N, C-alpha and C. Protein backbone atom coordinates (compact mmCIF):
# COMPACT_ATOMS: atom_id res chain seq x y z
N MET A 1 167.37 21.47 20.67
CA MET A 1 166.75 22.53 19.91
C MET A 1 167.87 23.38 19.30
N SER A 2 167.76 23.62 18.02
CA SER A 2 168.80 24.39 17.32
C SER A 2 168.62 25.89 17.57
N ALA A 3 169.65 26.63 17.23
CA ALA A 3 169.58 28.09 17.37
C ALA A 3 168.46 28.66 16.52
N LYS A 4 168.24 28.10 15.33
CA LYS A 4 167.17 28.57 14.45
C LYS A 4 165.80 28.29 15.07
N ASP A 5 165.64 27.12 15.70
CA ASP A 5 164.39 26.80 16.38
C ASP A 5 164.11 27.78 17.52
N ILE A 6 165.14 28.11 18.27
CA ILE A 6 165.00 29.07 19.38
C ILE A 6 164.63 30.44 18.83
N GLU A 7 165.31 30.86 17.76
CA GLU A 7 164.99 32.16 17.15
C GLU A 7 163.55 32.18 16.64
N ASN A 8 163.13 31.11 15.99
CA ASN A 8 161.75 31.05 15.49
C ASN A 8 160.74 31.10 16.62
N ARG A 9 161.02 30.40 17.70
CA ARG A 9 160.10 30.40 18.85
C ARG A 9 160.05 31.79 19.49
N PHE A 10 161.20 32.42 19.62
CA PHE A 10 161.25 33.77 20.17
C PHE A 10 160.43 34.73 19.31
N ASN A 11 160.62 34.67 17.99
CA ASN A 11 159.88 35.55 17.09
C ASN A 11 158.38 35.29 17.15
N TYR A 12 158.00 34.02 17.28
CA TYR A 12 156.59 33.67 17.41
C TYR A 12 156.00 34.29 18.68
N LEU A 13 156.69 34.13 19.79
CA LEU A 13 156.21 34.69 21.05
C LEU A 13 156.19 36.21 21.02
N LEU A 14 157.20 36.82 20.43
CA LEU A 14 157.23 38.27 20.30
C LEU A 14 156.05 38.77 19.47
N GLY A 15 155.72 38.05 18.41
CA GLY A 15 154.56 38.42 17.60
C GLY A 15 153.27 38.35 18.38
N ARG A 16 153.11 37.31 19.18
CA ARG A 16 151.90 37.19 19.99
C ARG A 16 151.82 38.30 21.03
N ILE A 17 152.92 38.60 21.68
CA ILE A 17 152.95 39.65 22.69
C ILE A 17 152.62 41.00 22.06
N THR A 18 153.21 41.28 20.91
CA THR A 18 152.95 42.54 20.22
C THR A 18 151.48 42.66 19.85
N ALA A 19 150.90 41.59 19.35
CA ALA A 19 149.48 41.61 18.98
C ALA A 19 148.60 41.89 20.20
N LEU A 20 148.91 41.26 21.32
CA LEU A 20 148.13 41.49 22.53
C LEU A 20 148.29 42.92 23.04
N GLU A 21 149.50 43.46 22.94
CA GLU A 21 149.72 44.84 23.38
C GLU A 21 148.93 45.81 22.50
N LEU A 22 148.93 45.58 21.20
CA LEU A 22 148.17 46.45 20.30
C LEU A 22 146.67 46.32 20.53
N LEU A 23 146.20 45.11 20.77
CA LEU A 23 144.79 44.90 21.08
C LEU A 23 144.40 45.65 22.34
N THR A 24 145.22 45.52 23.37
CA THR A 24 144.94 46.20 24.64
C THR A 24 144.94 47.72 24.46
N ALA A 25 145.91 48.23 23.72
CA ALA A 25 145.97 49.68 23.48
C ALA A 25 144.72 50.14 22.74
N GLY A 26 144.27 49.37 21.77
CA GLY A 26 143.06 49.73 21.04
C GLY A 26 141.83 49.72 21.92
N MET A 27 141.74 48.74 22.79
CA MET A 27 140.60 48.66 23.71
C MET A 27 140.63 49.84 24.69
N LEU A 28 141.81 50.20 25.16
CA LEU A 28 141.91 51.32 26.08
C LEU A 28 141.58 52.64 25.41
N ALA A 29 141.85 52.73 24.12
CA ALA A 29 141.58 53.97 23.39
C ALA A 29 140.09 54.29 23.35
N THR A 30 139.26 53.27 23.47
CA THR A 30 137.81 53.49 23.40
C THR A 30 137.12 53.26 24.74
N ALA A 31 137.88 53.01 25.78
CA ALA A 31 137.30 52.71 27.10
C ALA A 31 136.88 53.99 27.82
N ASP A 32 135.86 53.85 28.66
CA ASP A 32 135.47 54.99 29.48
C ASP A 32 136.42 55.11 30.67
N GLU A 33 136.28 56.19 31.41
CA GLU A 33 137.22 56.49 32.51
C GLU A 33 137.24 55.38 33.57
N GLU A 34 136.09 54.82 33.90
CA GLU A 34 136.05 53.77 34.92
C GLU A 34 136.82 52.54 34.47
N ARG A 35 136.64 52.13 33.24
CA ARG A 35 137.37 50.95 32.73
C ARG A 35 138.86 51.22 32.64
N ARG A 36 139.22 52.44 32.33
CA ARG A 36 140.64 52.79 32.28
C ARG A 36 141.28 52.68 33.66
N LYS A 37 140.56 53.10 34.69
CA LYS A 37 141.08 53.00 36.06
C LYS A 37 141.24 51.54 36.47
N VAL A 38 140.29 50.70 36.09
CA VAL A 38 140.38 49.27 36.39
C VAL A 38 141.58 48.67 35.67
N ALA A 39 141.77 49.02 34.40
CA ALA A 39 142.91 48.51 33.65
C ALA A 39 144.23 48.93 34.29
N ALA A 40 144.31 50.18 34.72
CA ALA A 40 145.52 50.68 35.37
C ALA A 40 145.79 49.91 36.66
N ALA A 41 144.75 49.63 37.42
CA ALA A 41 144.92 48.87 38.67
C ALA A 41 145.43 47.47 38.40
N TYR A 42 144.90 46.80 37.37
CA TYR A 42 145.36 45.46 37.03
C TYR A 42 146.82 45.47 36.55
N LEU A 43 147.19 46.47 35.77
CA LEU A 43 148.59 46.56 35.34
C LEU A 43 149.52 46.73 36.53
N GLU A 44 149.14 47.56 37.47
CA GLU A 44 149.97 47.76 38.66
C GLU A 44 150.06 46.49 39.50
N MET A 45 148.92 45.80 39.68
CA MET A 45 148.93 44.55 40.46
C MET A 45 149.80 43.49 39.79
N ALA A 46 149.72 43.40 38.47
CA ALA A 46 150.53 42.41 37.76
C ALA A 46 152.01 42.71 37.89
N TYR A 47 152.37 43.98 37.82
CA TYR A 47 153.77 44.36 37.95
C TYR A 47 154.29 44.04 39.35
N VAL A 48 153.53 44.38 40.36
CA VAL A 48 153.93 44.08 41.74
C VAL A 48 154.03 42.57 41.94
N GLY A 49 153.10 41.83 41.34
CA GLY A 49 153.17 40.37 41.42
C GLY A 49 154.45 39.84 40.82
N GLY A 50 154.88 40.42 39.71
CA GLY A 50 156.15 40.02 39.09
C GLY A 50 157.33 40.34 39.98
N LEU A 51 157.30 41.50 40.61
CA LEU A 51 158.38 41.87 41.53
C LEU A 51 158.47 40.89 42.69
N ASN A 52 157.32 40.50 43.21
CA ASN A 52 157.28 39.62 44.38
C ASN A 52 157.60 38.17 44.04
N SER A 53 157.55 37.80 42.77
CA SER A 53 157.79 36.40 42.42
C SER A 53 159.21 36.14 41.93
N ASN A 54 160.05 37.16 42.01
CA ASN A 54 161.46 37.01 41.64
C ASN A 54 161.67 36.57 40.19
N VAL A 55 160.86 37.11 39.26
CA VAL A 55 161.08 36.80 37.85
C VAL A 55 162.34 37.51 37.38
N SER A 56 162.82 37.15 36.20
CA SER A 56 164.08 37.73 35.72
C SER A 56 163.95 39.23 35.49
N GLU A 57 165.08 39.90 35.60
CA GLU A 57 165.10 41.35 35.39
C GLU A 57 164.69 41.71 33.97
N HIS A 58 165.05 40.88 32.99
CA HIS A 58 164.67 41.16 31.61
C HIS A 58 163.15 41.09 31.43
N LEU A 59 162.52 40.13 32.07
CA LEU A 59 161.07 40.03 32.00
C LEU A 59 160.43 41.25 32.65
N LEU A 60 160.95 41.66 33.80
CA LEU A 60 160.42 42.84 34.47
C LEU A 60 160.62 44.11 33.64
N LYS A 61 161.77 44.24 32.98
CA LYS A 61 162.00 45.41 32.13
C LYS A 61 161.00 45.46 30.99
N GLY A 62 160.76 44.31 30.37
CA GLY A 62 159.78 44.26 29.29
C GLY A 62 158.38 44.58 29.78
N PHE A 63 158.03 44.03 30.93
CA PHE A 63 156.71 44.30 31.48
C PHE A 63 156.58 45.76 31.86
N ARG A 64 157.61 46.32 32.50
CA ARG A 64 157.58 47.72 32.91
C ARG A 64 157.40 48.63 31.71
N SER A 65 158.10 48.34 30.62
CA SER A 65 157.97 49.14 29.41
C SER A 65 156.55 49.08 28.85
N THR A 66 155.99 47.89 28.80
CA THR A 66 154.62 47.73 28.31
C THR A 66 153.64 48.42 29.24
N LYS A 67 153.82 48.24 30.53
CA LYS A 67 152.93 48.86 31.52
C LYS A 67 152.95 50.38 31.37
N GLU A 68 154.14 50.95 31.26
CA GLU A 68 154.25 52.41 31.13
C GLU A 68 153.63 52.90 29.83
N ASN A 69 153.82 52.14 28.75
CA ASN A 69 153.23 52.50 27.47
C ASN A 69 151.70 52.51 27.57
N LEU A 70 151.14 51.47 28.15
CA LEU A 70 149.69 51.38 28.27
C LEU A 70 149.15 52.41 29.25
N LEU A 71 149.85 52.63 30.36
CA LEU A 71 149.39 53.64 31.32
C LEU A 71 149.44 55.04 30.71
N SER A 72 150.40 55.30 29.84
CA SER A 72 150.44 56.62 29.19
C SER A 72 149.23 56.79 28.29
N ARG A 73 148.76 55.70 27.71
CA ARG A 73 147.55 55.76 26.88
C ARG A 73 146.31 56.01 27.73
N LEU A 74 146.36 55.59 28.97
CA LEU A 74 145.22 55.80 29.86
C LEU A 74 145.03 57.28 30.16
N SER A 75 146.10 58.06 30.08
CA SER A 75 145.98 59.48 30.38
C SER A 75 145.43 60.28 29.20
N GLU A 76 145.37 59.64 28.02
CA GLU A 76 144.81 60.31 26.84
C GLU A 76 143.29 60.21 26.89
N PRO A 77 142.58 61.21 26.35
CA PRO A 77 141.12 61.12 26.34
C PRO A 77 140.66 59.98 25.42
N PRO A 78 139.55 59.32 25.77
CA PRO A 78 139.04 58.25 24.90
C PRO A 78 138.71 58.79 23.51
N ASP A 79 138.80 57.93 22.50
CA ASP A 79 138.42 58.32 21.15
C ASP A 79 136.97 58.72 21.12
N GLY A 80 136.67 59.72 20.33
CA GLY A 80 135.29 60.16 20.21
C GLY A 80 134.86 61.13 21.27
N SER A 81 135.78 61.58 22.14
CA SER A 81 135.42 62.53 23.21
C SER A 81 135.72 63.94 22.77
C-alpha cells in the first residue's frame, strides 16, 4: 500500500468518524434528559472498555476528546426548551 493509499484511507475514516460525531451531537441536542443520561453512561462504559483492552494511547486520546465534547453537550439544555 502506497503512502497516498494510506493517506486516502485515513481521510476516508476521518470523514466517517466526523460525520458520526456530528450526527450524535445533533441527536443529543434534541434528546430529553433521560436519553442524555443513557448516552453519557454508554460513553463512559465505552471509554472504560477501551482502557481495559489496552488500545493505543492515540486511540484513547481521540476517544477521550470526543467523549468530553459530547458530554459537554449533554450539560446544555435540549433545543426547544
